[in-house]
Structure formats: C-alpha cells, structure tokens
C-alpha cells in the first residue's frame, strides 16, 4: 500500500512570499487561529517596510511560514527587526522546518542591513539550539523568553 501525500515526510523549501503570495491567506489564517486576531503581517514602522514573510513549501503545499515586524527593543528603546510569527503545521513539526525558517530569517535580516534579529517566543528551545542569545526571561511567564541573534 502506498502512502498518501500527507503521510510522507515533507522536505521543505524556504521561499519568499513574493514568489508565492497565493499562500499568504492560508498562512495568515493558521497564525490567527493559533495565536489570536492580530495581523501577523503588519510591518511598516516609520515608513520602513519589513521583509516579506518566508514560506516553507513542498511543491505547491504550504507547510508553514515566518513573518517579520518592527518593534521597540526594551533594553535599548530603539526599533529592531523581530520575528512576529513562526508557524509550522502540527503534523510537520520536529522535522527541522522551523529551524530552516529561522536560519533563512537571519539571512534575510542581514540582507536588509539589520545587524540583529529579535524574537519573543514560547518555544525557547528552538532558538537556544540555534545559538541565539537570551535577552529577557519574564518571571511571570517562565515558558516565554526574548532572544537576539547578532552577526
């Protein structure tokens, strides 16, 4: 008996949403269903556009994605580039797709002349594994932390 497409392990390719914008509605819906009603693709601050979302795809199938935003860095009071949302379909988690998205986000951030990339996350192990530096661990929410990647 052959496996169906959804049963086989997926090999994700990471692409800019500029080349596959038709996936953005689906990614937005997944992110909003996971975390609430805020728009994960907000992204202009002081007239500076942030990079477009990244998508993890297998052929024509969307597996997940990552969105950026600009926000204030608490420790400096300055605007920094942040990962606003990272989502991988539950059945494709723990296969390296999230790591690939974060690594590509580092490349994209560097290409837009950012020297740092930040994230506030409830999955700190992912960023620790990728050698990001913890910059804030709120006592009120020990499973969450802010991280910075600097190059």
C-alpha atoms as a PDB file:
ATOM      1  CA  UNK A   1       0.000   0.000   0.000  1.00  0.00           C
ATOM      2  CA  UNK A   2       1.483   3.369  -0.951  1.00  0.00           C
ATOM      3  CA  UNK A   3       1.476   6.311   1.392  1.00  0.00           C
ATOM      4  CA  UNK A   4      -0.659   9.318   0.604  1.00  0.00           C
ATOM      5  CA  UNK A   5       0.974  12.698   0.054  1.00  0.00           C
ATOM      6  CA  UNK A   6       0.067  13.825   3.591  1.00  0.00           C
ATOM      7  CA  UNK A   7       1.648  10.698   5.140  1.00  0.00           C
ATOM      8  CA  UNK A   8       5.100  11.043   3.646  1.00  0.00           C
ATOM      9  CA  UNK A   9       7.790  13.216   5.269  1.00  0.00           C
ATOM     10  CA  UNK A  10       7.974  16.624   3.669  1.00  0.00           C
ATOM     11  CA  UNK A  11      11.169  18.268   2.516  1.00  0.00           C
ATOM     12  CA  UNK A  12      10.586  21.960   2.946  1.00  0.00           C
ATOM     13  CA  UNK A  13      11.966  24.585   0.639  1.00  0.00           C
ATOM     14  CA  UNK A  14      12.073  28.083   2.140  1.00  0.00           C
ATOM     15  CA  UNK A  15      10.930  30.825  -0.241  1.00  0.00           C
ATOM     16  CA  UNK A  16       9.970  34.479  -0.040  1.00  0.00           C
ATOM     17  CA  UNK A  17       6.255  35.118  -0.151  1.00  0.00           C
ATOM     18  CA  UNK A  18       6.988  37.459  -3.051  1.00  0.00           C
ATOM     19  CA  UNK A  19       7.341  34.361  -5.219  1.00  0.00           C
ATOM     20  CA  UNK A  20       4.352  32.510  -3.725  1.00  0.00           C
ATOM     21  CA  UNK A  21       1.973  35.191  -2.451  1.00  0.00           C
ATOM     22  CA  UNK A  22      -1.024  32.941  -3.088  1.00  0.00           C
ATOM     23  CA  UNK A  23      -0.077  31.132   0.177  1.00  0.00           C
ATOM     24  CA  UNK A  24      -0.331  34.246   2.367  1.00  0.00           C
ATOM     25  CA  UNK A  25      -4.050  33.993   3.092  1.00  0.00           C
ATOM     26  CA  UNK A  26      -3.634  30.419   4.330  1.00  0.00           C
ATOM     27  CA  UNK A  27      -0.610  31.287   6.469  1.00  0.00           C
ATOM     28  CA  UNK A  28      -2.422  34.313   7.969  1.00  0.00           C
ATOM     29  CA  UNK A  29      -5.407  32.102   8.836  1.00  0.00           C
ATOM     30  CA  UNK A  30      -3.201  29.475  10.510  1.00  0.00           C
ATOM     31  CA  UNK A  31      -1.355  32.081  12.577  1.00  0.00           C
ATOM     32  CA  UNK A  32      -4.543  33.853  13.659  1.00  0.00           C
ATOM     33  CA  UNK A  33      -6.159  30.508  14.585  1.00  0.00           C
ATOM     34  CA  UNK A  34      -3.081  29.615  16.660  1.00  0.00           C
ATOM     35  CA  UNK A  35      -2.494  32.924  18.482  1.00  0.00           C
ATOM     36  CA  UNK A  36      -5.459  35.231  18.064  1.00  0.00           C
ATOM     37  CA  UNK A  37      -6.744  38.029  15.966  1.00  0.00           C
ATOM     38  CA  UNK A  38      -3.747  40.303  15.409  1.00  0.00           C
ATOM     39  CA  UNK A  39      -2.479  40.576  11.851  1.00  0.00           C
ATOM     40  CA  UNK A  40       0.854  38.743  11.640  1.00  0.00           C
ATOM     41  CA  UNK A  41       1.848  40.658   8.518  1.00  0.00           C
ATOM     42  CA  UNK A  42       1.829  44.147   9.991  1.00  0.00           C
ATOM     43  CA  UNK A  43       5.101  45.597   9.020  1.00  0.00           C
ATOM     44  CA  UNK A  44       5.681  49.257   8.375  1.00  0.00           C
ATOM     45  CA  UNK A  45       7.132  51.456  11.070  1.00  0.00           C
ATOM     46  CA  UNK A  46       8.309  54.987  10.367  1.00  0.00           C
ATOM     47  CA  UNK A  47       7.911  54.325   6.634  1.00  0.00           C
ATOM     48  CA  UNK A  48      10.405  51.432   6.702  1.00  0.00           C
ATOM     49  CA  UNK A  49       8.950  48.252   5.276  1.00  0.00           C
ATOM     50  CA  UNK A  50       9.988  44.976   6.847  1.00  0.00           C
ATOM     51  CA  UNK A  51      10.892  41.918   4.748  1.00  0.00           C
ATOM     52  CA  UNK A  52       8.010  39.893   3.332  1.00  0.00           C
ATOM     53  CA  UNK A  53       7.049  36.651   5.083  1.00  0.00           C
ATOM     54  CA  UNK A  54       9.005  33.473   4.417  1.00  0.00           C
ATOM     55  CA  UNK A  55       7.192  30.295   3.439  1.00  0.00           C
ATOM     56  CA  UNK A  56       8.058  26.640   3.937  1.00  0.00           C
ATOM     57  CA  UNK A  57       6.698  24.762   0.949  1.00  0.00           C
ATOM     58  CA  UNK A  58       6.842  21.287  -0.513  1.00  0.00           C
ATOM     59  CA  UNK A  59       5.961  21.705  -4.150  1.00  0.00           C
ATOM     60  CA  UNK A  60       2.642  23.515  -4.121  1.00  0.00           C
ATOM     61  CA  UNK A  61       1.891  22.582  -0.484  1.00  0.00           C
ATOM     62  CA  UNK A  62       2.354  25.145   2.287  1.00  0.00           C
ATOM     63  CA  UNK A  63       3.862  23.656   5.459  1.00  0.00           C
ATOM     64  CA  UNK A  64       4.423  26.826   7.481  1.00  0.00           C
ATOM     65  CA  UNK A  65       5.903  30.282   7.474  1.00  0.00           C
ATOM     66  CA  UNK A  66       7.543  33.138   9.308  1.00  0.00           C
ATOM     67  CA  UNK A  67       6.554  36.822   9.431  1.00  0.00           C
ATOM     68  CA  UNK A  68       8.646  39.838  10.426  1.00  0.00           C
ATOM     69  CA  UNK A  69       7.770  43.102  12.163  1.00  0.00           C
ATOM     70  CA  UNK A  70       9.500  46.175  13.539  1.00  0.00           C
ATOM     71  CA  UNK A  71       9.111  46.791  17.266  1.00  0.00           C
ATOM     72  CA  UNK A  72      10.847  48.520  20.132  1.00  0.00           C
ATOM     73  CA  UNK A  73      13.684  46.622  21.793  1.00  0.00           C
ATOM     74  CA  UNK A  74      13.031  47.085  25.521  1.00  0.00           C
ATOM     75  CA  UNK A  75      16.694  47.212  26.525  1.00  0.00           C
ATOM     76  CA  UNK A  76      17.618  49.981  24.067  1.00  0.00           C
ATOM     77  CA  UNK A  77      14.364  51.783  23.338  1.00  0.00           C
ATOM     78  CA  UNK A  78      15.221  51.587  19.627  1.00  0.00           C
ATOM     79  CA  UNK A  79      13.266  49.951  16.822  1.00  0.00           C
ATOM     80  CA  UNK A  80      14.533  46.500  15.856  1.00  0.00           C
ATOM     81  CA  UNK A  81      13.582  43.780  13.393  1.00  0.00           C
ATOM     82  CA  UNK A  82      11.608  40.976  15.059  1.00  0.00           C
ATOM     83  CA  UNK A  83      10.193  37.619  14.093  1.00  0.00           C
ATOM     84  CA  UNK A  84       6.492  38.342  14.549  1.00  0.00           C
ATOM     85  CA  UNK A  85       5.198  34.822  13.984  1.00  0.00           C
ATOM     86  CA  UNK A  86       6.613  31.389  13.217  1.00  0.00           C
ATOM     87  CA  UNK A  87       4.168  28.623  12.387  1.00  0.00           C
ATOM     88  CA  UNK A  88       4.591  25.061  11.122  1.00  0.00           C
ATOM     89  CA  UNK A  89       1.653  22.719  10.675  1.00  0.00           C
ATOM     90  CA  UNK A  90       1.500  20.392  13.702  1.00  0.00           C
ATOM     91  CA  UNK A  91       1.966  17.245  11.595  1.00  0.00           C
ATOM     92  CA  UNK A  92       5.227  18.651  10.193  1.00  0.00           C
ATOM     93  CA  UNK A  93       6.803  19.899  13.421  1.00  0.00           C
ATOM     94  CA  UNK A  94      10.021  18.459  14.847  1.00  0.00           C
ATOM     95  CA  UNK A  95      11.393  17.911  11.326  1.00  0.00           C
ATOM     96  CA  UNK A  96      13.644  20.959  11.139  1.00  0.00           C
ATOM     97  CA  UNK A  97      11.240  23.198   9.231  1.00  0.00           C
ATOM     98  CA  UNK A  98      11.079  25.837  11.987  1.00  0.00           C
ATOM     99  CA  UNK A  99      14.878  25.875  12.198  1.00  0.00           C
ATOM    100  CA  UNK A 100      15.157  26.314   8.441  1.00  0.00           C
ATOM    101  CA  UNK A 101      12.729  29.238   8.565  1.00  0.00           C
ATOM    102  CA  UNK A 102      14.667  30.937  11.383  1.00  0.00           C
ATOM    103  CA  UNK A 103      18.018  30.422   9.650  1.00  0.00           C
ATOM    104  CA  UNK A 104      16.631  31.926   6.445  1.00  0.00           C
ATOM    105  CA  UNK A 105      15.175  34.807   8.502  1.00  0.00           C
ATOM    106  CA  UNK A 106      18.724  35.547   9.694  1.00  0.00           C
ATOM    107  CA  UNK A 107      19.908  35.672   6.081  1.00  0.00           C
ATOM    108  CA  UNK A 108      17.037  37.952   5.069  1.00  0.00           C
ATOM    109  CA  UNK A 109      17.598  40.263   8.051  1.00  0.00           C
ATOM    110  CA  UNK A 110      21.268  40.568   7.141  1.00  0.00           C
ATOM    111  CA  UNK A 111      20.354  41.319   3.517  1.00  0.00           C
ATOM    112  CA  UNK A 112      18.236  44.304   4.608  1.00  0.00           C
ATOM    113  CA  UNK A 113      21.169  45.631   6.646  1.00  0.00           C
ATOM    114  CA  UNK A 114      19.783  44.675  10.055  1.00  0.00           C
ATOM    115  CA  UNK A 115      22.564  43.770  12.478  1.00  0.00           C
ATOM    116  CA  UNK A 116      20.254  41.956  14.887  1.00  0.00           C
ATOM    117  CA  UNK A 117      17.054  39.960  14.771  1.00  0.00           C
ATOM    118  CA  UNK A 118      14.795  39.500  17.814  1.00  0.00           C
ATOM    119  CA  UNK A 119      12.005  37.167  18.871  1.00  0.00           C
ATOM    120  CA  UNK A 120       9.670  36.803  21.867  1.00  0.00           C
ATOM    121  CA  UNK A 121       8.725  33.154  21.981  1.00  0.00           C
ATOM    122  CA  UNK A 122       7.057  30.344  23.869  1.00  0.00           C
ATOM    123  CA  UNK A 123       9.430  27.861  22.194  1.00  0.00           C
ATOM    124  CA  UNK A 124      12.779  28.965  23.657  1.00  0.00           C
ATOM    125  CA  UNK A 125      14.465  25.626  22.946  1.00  0.00           C
ATOM    126  CA  UNK A 126      14.356  26.257  19.200  1.00  0.00           C
ATOM    127  CA  UNK A 127      16.310  29.497  19.497  1.00  0.00           C
ATOM    128  CA  UNK A 128      18.720  28.120  22.103  1.00  0.00           C
ATOM    129  CA  UNK A 129      19.503  25.255  19.716  1.00  0.00           C
ATOM    130  CA  UNK A 130      20.291  27.829  17.019  1.00  0.00           C
ATOM    131  CA  UNK A 131      22.678  29.704  19.378  1.00  0.00           C
ATOM    132  CA  UNK A 132      20.538  32.786  19.836  1.00  0.00           C
ATOM    133  CA  UNK A 133      21.224  34.807  22.998  1.00  0.00           C
ATOM    134  CA  UNK A 134      18.526  35.160  25.638  1.00  0.00           C
ATOM    135  CA  UNK A 135      17.910  38.829  26.457  1.00  0.00           C
ATOM    136  CA  UNK A 136      14.824  38.652  28.687  1.00  0.00           C
ATOM    137  CA  UNK A 137      13.080  35.923  30.651  1.00  0.00           C
ATOM    138  CA  UNK A 138       9.929  37.272  32.301  1.00  0.00           C
ATOM    139  CA  UNK A 139       9.408  35.872  35.788  1.00  0.00           C
ATOM    140  CA  UNK A 140       5.653  35.961  35.294  1.00  0.00           C
ATOM    141  CA  UNK A 141       5.863  33.654  32.274  1.00  0.00           C
ATOM    142  CA  UNK A 142       8.799  31.226  32.622  1.00  0.00           C
ATOM    143  CA  UNK A 143       7.990  29.354  29.410  1.00  0.00           C
ATOM    144  CA  UNK A 144       8.483  32.525  27.361  1.00  0.00           C
ATOM    145  CA  UNK A 145      11.638  34.443  26.587  1.00  0.00           C
ATOM    146  CA  UNK A 146      13.094  37.066  24.279  1.00  0.00           C
ATOM    147  CA  UNK A 147      16.141  36.204  22.197  1.00  0.00           C
ATOM    148  CA  UNK A 148      18.551  38.062  19.955  1.00  0.00           C
ATOM    149  CA  UNK A 149      20.663  36.868  17.068  1.00  0.00           C
ATOM    150  CA  UNK A 150      23.531  39.200  16.211  1.00  0.00           C
ATOM    151  CA  UNK A 151      26.043  38.953  13.392  1.00  0.00           C
END
